[in-house]
């Protein structure tokens, strides 16, 4: 370590250090294939609205919230060009 090195990781939105954030590791879907719940890397199971609040607070890495054309807010994976980590491709739990 040298003088001037940052001892603290860059904080994400909401002030949560990036390396302490959870990720989504599994999902639940309804009969139409819509995402309804998420399991986090720490084992928490969150209903869609709870997960959305966590995403908006910056507590979940690799995802973001966006407003759709219908005016509703949705969760989506960060665009990284890797389809294997899209939310629809995560394993299901339940």
N, C-alpha and C. Protein backbone atom coordinates (compact mmCIF):
# COMPACT_ATOMS: atom_id res chain seq x y z
N UNK A 1 0.85 -1.18 0.00
CA UNK A 1 0.00 0.00 0.00
C UNK A 1 0.89 1.23 0.00
N UNK A 2 0.49 2.20 -0.78
CA UNK A 2 1.26 3.43 -0.89
C UNK A 2 0.43 4.61 -0.40
N UNK A 3 1.11 5.69 -0.11
CA UNK A 3 0.41 6.90 0.31
C UNK A 3 -0.58 7.28 -0.78
N UNK A 4 -1.76 7.64 -0.37
CA UNK A 4 -2.79 8.06 -1.32
C UNK A 4 -3.69 6.93 -1.78
N UNK A 5 -3.34 5.66 -1.46
CA UNK A 5 -4.22 4.55 -1.83
C UNK A 5 -5.53 4.67 -1.05
N UNK A 6 -6.61 4.37 -1.71
CA UNK A 6 -7.92 4.45 -1.08
C UNK A 6 -8.16 3.18 -0.27
N UNK A 7 -8.41 3.33 1.01
CA UNK A 7 -8.66 2.19 1.89
C UNK A 7 -10.08 1.68 1.77
N UNK A 8 -10.96 2.45 1.18
CA UNK A 8 -12.37 2.09 1.12
C UNK A 8 -12.79 1.90 -0.33
N UNK A 9 -13.55 0.82 -0.62
CA UNK A 9 -14.00 0.61 -2.00
C UNK A 9 -14.97 1.70 -2.42
N UNK A 10 -15.05 1.90 -3.72
CA UNK A 10 -15.99 2.88 -4.27
C UNK A 10 -17.40 2.52 -3.83
N UNK A 11 -18.11 3.48 -3.30
CA UNK A 11 -19.49 3.24 -2.87
C UNK A 11 -20.42 3.27 -4.07
N UNK A 12 -21.38 2.38 -4.05
CA UNK A 12 -22.40 2.34 -5.09
C UNK A 12 -23.51 3.31 -4.73
N UNK A 13 -24.51 3.38 -5.59
CA UNK A 13 -25.68 4.22 -5.29
C UNK A 13 -26.22 3.81 -3.94
N UNK A 14 -26.63 4.75 -3.15
CA UNK A 14 -27.15 4.46 -1.82
C UNK A 14 -26.07 4.39 -0.76
N UNK A 15 -24.80 4.56 -1.16
CA UNK A 15 -23.73 4.59 -0.19
C UNK A 15 -23.26 3.23 0.28
N UNK A 16 -23.70 2.14 -0.34
CA UNK A 16 -23.29 0.80 0.05
C UNK A 16 -22.00 0.46 -0.70
N UNK A 17 -20.93 0.08 0.01
CA UNK A 17 -19.69 -0.26 -0.69
C UNK A 17 -19.93 -1.35 -1.73
N UNK A 18 -19.36 -1.20 -2.91
CA UNK A 18 -19.62 -2.10 -4.03
C UNK A 18 -19.33 -3.56 -3.68
N UNK A 19 -18.27 -3.82 -2.91
CA UNK A 19 -17.92 -5.21 -2.64
C UNK A 19 -18.78 -5.84 -1.56
N UNK A 20 -19.63 -5.09 -0.91
CA UNK A 20 -20.52 -5.63 0.10
C UNK A 20 -21.93 -5.87 -0.41
N UNK A 21 -22.18 -5.54 -1.68
CA UNK A 21 -23.53 -5.68 -2.21
C UNK A 21 -23.84 -7.14 -2.55
N UNK A 22 -25.09 -7.49 -2.39
CA UNK A 22 -25.55 -8.81 -2.78
C UNK A 22 -25.79 -8.83 -4.29
N UNK A 23 -25.98 -10.02 -4.82
CA UNK A 23 -26.40 -10.20 -6.20
C UNK A 23 -27.63 -11.11 -6.20
N UNK A 24 -28.35 -11.11 -7.29
CA UNK A 24 -29.45 -12.05 -7.45
C UNK A 24 -28.88 -13.34 -8.02
N UNK A 25 -29.24 -14.48 -7.41
CA UNK A 25 -28.71 -15.77 -7.85
C UNK A 25 -29.80 -16.71 -8.37
N UNK A 26 -31.07 -16.41 -8.08
CA UNK A 26 -32.18 -17.24 -8.55
C UNK A 26 -33.44 -16.40 -8.56
N UNK A 27 -34.43 -16.86 -9.32
CA UNK A 27 -35.68 -16.12 -9.47
C UNK A 27 -36.88 -17.06 -9.37
N UNK A 28 -38.04 -16.47 -9.13
CA UNK A 28 -39.32 -17.16 -9.29
C UNK A 28 -40.07 -16.44 -10.39
N UNK A 29 -40.84 -17.22 -11.16
CA UNK A 29 -41.63 -16.66 -12.26
C UNK A 29 -43.07 -17.10 -12.12
N UNK A 30 -43.98 -16.27 -12.65
CA UNK A 30 -45.38 -16.67 -12.69
C UNK A 30 -45.64 -17.47 -13.96
N UNK A 31 -46.88 -17.84 -14.20
CA UNK A 31 -47.24 -18.65 -15.35
C UNK A 31 -46.96 -17.98 -16.68
N UNK A 32 -46.87 -16.66 -16.70
CA UNK A 32 -46.56 -15.92 -17.93
C UNK A 32 -45.05 -15.74 -18.13
N UNK A 33 -44.25 -16.22 -17.17
CA UNK A 33 -42.80 -16.05 -17.26
C UNK A 33 -42.29 -14.75 -16.68
N UNK A 34 -43.18 -13.96 -16.07
CA UNK A 34 -42.76 -12.71 -15.44
C UNK A 34 -42.06 -13.00 -14.12
N UNK A 35 -41.00 -12.26 -13.82
CA UNK A 35 -40.28 -12.43 -12.56
C UNK A 35 -41.15 -11.93 -11.41
N UNK A 36 -41.25 -12.74 -10.36
CA UNK A 36 -42.09 -12.38 -9.22
C UNK A 36 -41.33 -12.32 -7.90
N UNK A 37 -40.15 -12.96 -7.83
CA UNK A 37 -39.36 -12.96 -6.59
C UNK A 37 -37.91 -13.28 -6.94
N UNK A 38 -37.03 -12.93 -6.02
CA UNK A 38 -35.59 -13.09 -6.23
C UNK A 38 -34.95 -13.69 -4.99
N UNK A 39 -33.93 -14.52 -5.20
CA UNK A 39 -33.09 -15.00 -4.10
C UNK A 39 -31.74 -14.31 -4.25
N UNK A 40 -31.22 -13.80 -3.13
CA UNK A 40 -29.95 -13.09 -3.17
C UNK A 40 -28.79 -14.02 -2.82
N UNK A 41 -27.60 -13.53 -3.06
CA UNK A 41 -26.38 -14.29 -2.78
C UNK A 41 -26.22 -14.62 -1.30
N UNK A 42 -26.91 -13.90 -0.43
CA UNK A 42 -26.85 -14.22 1.00
C UNK A 42 -27.99 -15.13 1.43
N UNK A 43 -28.84 -15.53 0.47
CA UNK A 43 -29.93 -16.45 0.78
C UNK A 43 -31.27 -15.80 1.06
N UNK A 44 -31.30 -14.47 1.05
CA UNK A 44 -32.58 -13.80 1.29
C UNK A 44 -33.51 -14.03 0.10
N UNK A 45 -34.80 -14.17 0.39
CA UNK A 45 -35.81 -14.29 -0.65
C UNK A 45 -36.68 -13.04 -0.60
N UNK A 46 -36.73 -12.33 -1.73
CA UNK A 46 -37.41 -11.04 -1.79
C UNK A 46 -38.52 -11.07 -2.82
N UNK A 47 -39.71 -10.64 -2.42
CA UNK A 47 -40.78 -10.42 -3.39
C UNK A 47 -40.34 -9.32 -4.34
N UNK A 48 -40.97 -9.25 -5.51
CA UNK A 48 -40.54 -8.30 -6.54
C UNK A 48 -40.45 -6.88 -5.99
N UNK A 49 -41.47 -6.42 -5.28
CA UNK A 49 -41.45 -5.04 -4.77
C UNK A 49 -40.33 -4.81 -3.75
N UNK A 50 -40.07 -5.83 -2.91
CA UNK A 50 -38.95 -5.72 -1.96
C UNK A 50 -37.62 -5.65 -2.72
N UNK A 51 -37.49 -6.49 -3.72
CA UNK A 51 -36.26 -6.50 -4.52
C UNK A 51 -36.06 -5.16 -5.22
N UNK A 52 -37.14 -4.60 -5.74
CA UNK A 52 -37.06 -3.30 -6.41
C UNK A 52 -36.56 -2.23 -5.46
N UNK A 53 -37.04 -2.24 -4.22
CA UNK A 53 -36.58 -1.27 -3.23
C UNK A 53 -35.09 -1.45 -2.94
N UNK A 54 -34.64 -2.70 -2.85
CA UNK A 54 -33.22 -2.97 -2.61
C UNK A 54 -32.36 -2.49 -3.78
N UNK A 55 -32.84 -2.73 -5.00
CA UNK A 55 -32.11 -2.28 -6.19
C UNK A 55 -32.02 -0.76 -6.22
N UNK A 56 -33.14 -0.09 -5.96
CA UNK A 56 -33.16 1.37 -6.00
C UNK A 56 -32.28 1.98 -4.91
N UNK A 57 -32.08 1.25 -3.81
CA UNK A 57 -31.22 1.72 -2.72
C UNK A 57 -29.74 1.41 -2.98
N UNK A 58 -29.45 0.72 -4.09
CA UNK A 58 -28.06 0.40 -4.43
C UNK A 58 -27.49 -0.78 -3.68
N UNK A 59 -28.34 -1.63 -3.12
CA UNK A 59 -27.87 -2.75 -2.31
C UNK A 59 -27.64 -4.03 -3.11
N UNK A 60 -28.04 -4.04 -4.38
CA UNK A 60 -27.90 -5.23 -5.22
C UNK A 60 -27.01 -4.88 -6.41
N UNK A 61 -25.96 -5.65 -6.61
CA UNK A 61 -25.03 -5.42 -7.72
C UNK A 61 -25.52 -6.11 -8.99
N UNK A 62 -25.17 -5.54 -10.13
CA UNK A 62 -25.43 -6.17 -11.42
C UNK A 62 -26.80 -5.92 -12.00
N UNK A 63 -27.59 -5.09 -11.35
CA UNK A 63 -28.95 -4.80 -11.81
C UNK A 63 -29.25 -3.32 -11.65
N UNK A 64 -30.31 -2.88 -12.31
CA UNK A 64 -30.76 -1.51 -12.17
C UNK A 64 -32.26 -1.46 -12.32
N UNK A 65 -32.84 -0.34 -11.95
CA UNK A 65 -34.28 -0.12 -12.09
C UNK A 65 -34.49 0.85 -13.23
N UNK A 66 -35.53 0.60 -14.02
CA UNK A 66 -35.85 1.51 -15.12
C UNK A 66 -37.36 1.66 -15.23
N UNK A 67 -37.77 2.78 -15.78
CA UNK A 67 -39.20 3.04 -15.97
C UNK A 67 -39.58 2.60 -17.38
N UNK A 68 -40.56 1.71 -17.46
CA UNK A 68 -41.03 1.21 -18.75
C UNK A 68 -41.96 2.20 -19.44
N UNK A 69 -42.32 1.86 -20.66
CA UNK A 69 -43.22 2.72 -21.43
C UNK A 69 -44.58 2.87 -20.76
N UNK A 70 -44.94 1.87 -19.95
CA UNK A 70 -46.22 1.93 -19.25
C UNK A 70 -46.16 2.76 -17.98
N UNK A 71 -44.99 3.32 -17.67
CA UNK A 71 -44.83 4.16 -16.49
C UNK A 71 -44.45 3.40 -15.23
N UNK A 72 -44.46 2.07 -15.29
CA UNK A 72 -44.09 1.25 -14.14
C UNK A 72 -42.56 1.13 -14.07
N UNK A 73 -42.04 0.87 -12.86
CA UNK A 73 -40.61 0.69 -12.67
C UNK A 73 -40.30 -0.80 -12.59
N UNK A 74 -39.26 -1.22 -13.31
CA UNK A 74 -38.90 -2.62 -13.41
C UNK A 74 -37.43 -2.82 -13.08
N UNK A 75 -37.08 -4.08 -12.76
CA UNK A 75 -35.70 -4.48 -12.50
C UNK A 75 -35.16 -5.13 -13.77
N UNK A 76 -33.92 -4.78 -14.13
CA UNK A 76 -33.27 -5.47 -15.24
C UNK A 76 -31.78 -5.59 -14.93
N UNK A 77 -31.16 -6.56 -15.56
CA UNK A 77 -29.73 -6.74 -15.40
C UNK A 77 -28.98 -5.63 -16.10
N UNK A 78 -27.81 -5.29 -15.57
CA UNK A 78 -26.96 -4.30 -16.22
C UNK A 78 -26.55 -4.82 -17.59
N UNK A 79 -26.54 -3.95 -18.57
CA UNK A 79 -26.13 -4.34 -19.93
C UNK A 79 -24.63 -4.58 -19.95
N UNK A 80 -24.25 -5.84 -20.11
CA UNK A 80 -22.82 -6.16 -20.17
C UNK A 80 -22.50 -7.05 -21.37
N UNK A 81 -23.48 -7.31 -22.22
CA UNK A 81 -23.25 -8.12 -23.40
C UNK A 81 -23.19 -9.61 -23.15
N UNK A 82 -23.40 -10.04 -21.91
CA UNK A 82 -23.34 -11.47 -21.57
C UNK A 82 -24.74 -11.98 -21.29
N UNK A 83 -25.39 -12.66 -22.23
CA UNK A 83 -26.76 -13.11 -22.02
C UNK A 83 -26.89 -14.17 -20.93
N UNK A 84 -25.80 -14.83 -20.55
CA UNK A 84 -25.89 -15.90 -19.55
C UNK A 84 -26.26 -15.38 -18.17
N UNK A 85 -26.02 -14.09 -17.90
CA UNK A 85 -26.35 -13.56 -16.58
C UNK A 85 -27.60 -12.68 -16.60
N UNK A 86 -28.37 -12.75 -17.68
CA UNK A 86 -29.65 -12.03 -17.70
C UNK A 86 -30.57 -12.62 -16.64
N UNK A 87 -31.40 -11.80 -16.05
CA UNK A 87 -32.27 -12.26 -14.97
C UNK A 87 -33.15 -13.43 -15.41
N UNK A 88 -33.64 -13.40 -16.64
CA UNK A 88 -34.48 -14.50 -17.14
C UNK A 88 -33.73 -15.82 -17.21
N UNK A 89 -32.41 -15.77 -17.28
CA UNK A 89 -31.61 -16.99 -17.40
C UNK A 89 -31.12 -17.53 -16.07
N UNK A 90 -31.42 -16.85 -14.96
CA UNK A 90 -31.02 -17.35 -13.65
C UNK A 90 -31.84 -18.59 -13.31
N UNK A 91 -31.30 -19.49 -12.49
CA UNK A 91 -32.08 -20.65 -12.07
C UNK A 91 -33.29 -20.22 -11.25
N UNK A 92 -34.28 -21.10 -11.19
CA UNK A 92 -35.47 -20.80 -10.37
C UNK A 92 -35.31 -21.43 -8.99
N UNK A 93 -36.01 -20.89 -8.04
CA UNK A 93 -36.03 -21.45 -6.68
C UNK A 93 -37.47 -21.58 -6.26
N UNK A 94 -37.68 -22.35 -5.21
CA UNK A 94 -38.99 -22.32 -4.75
C UNK A 94 -39.78 -23.33 -4.21
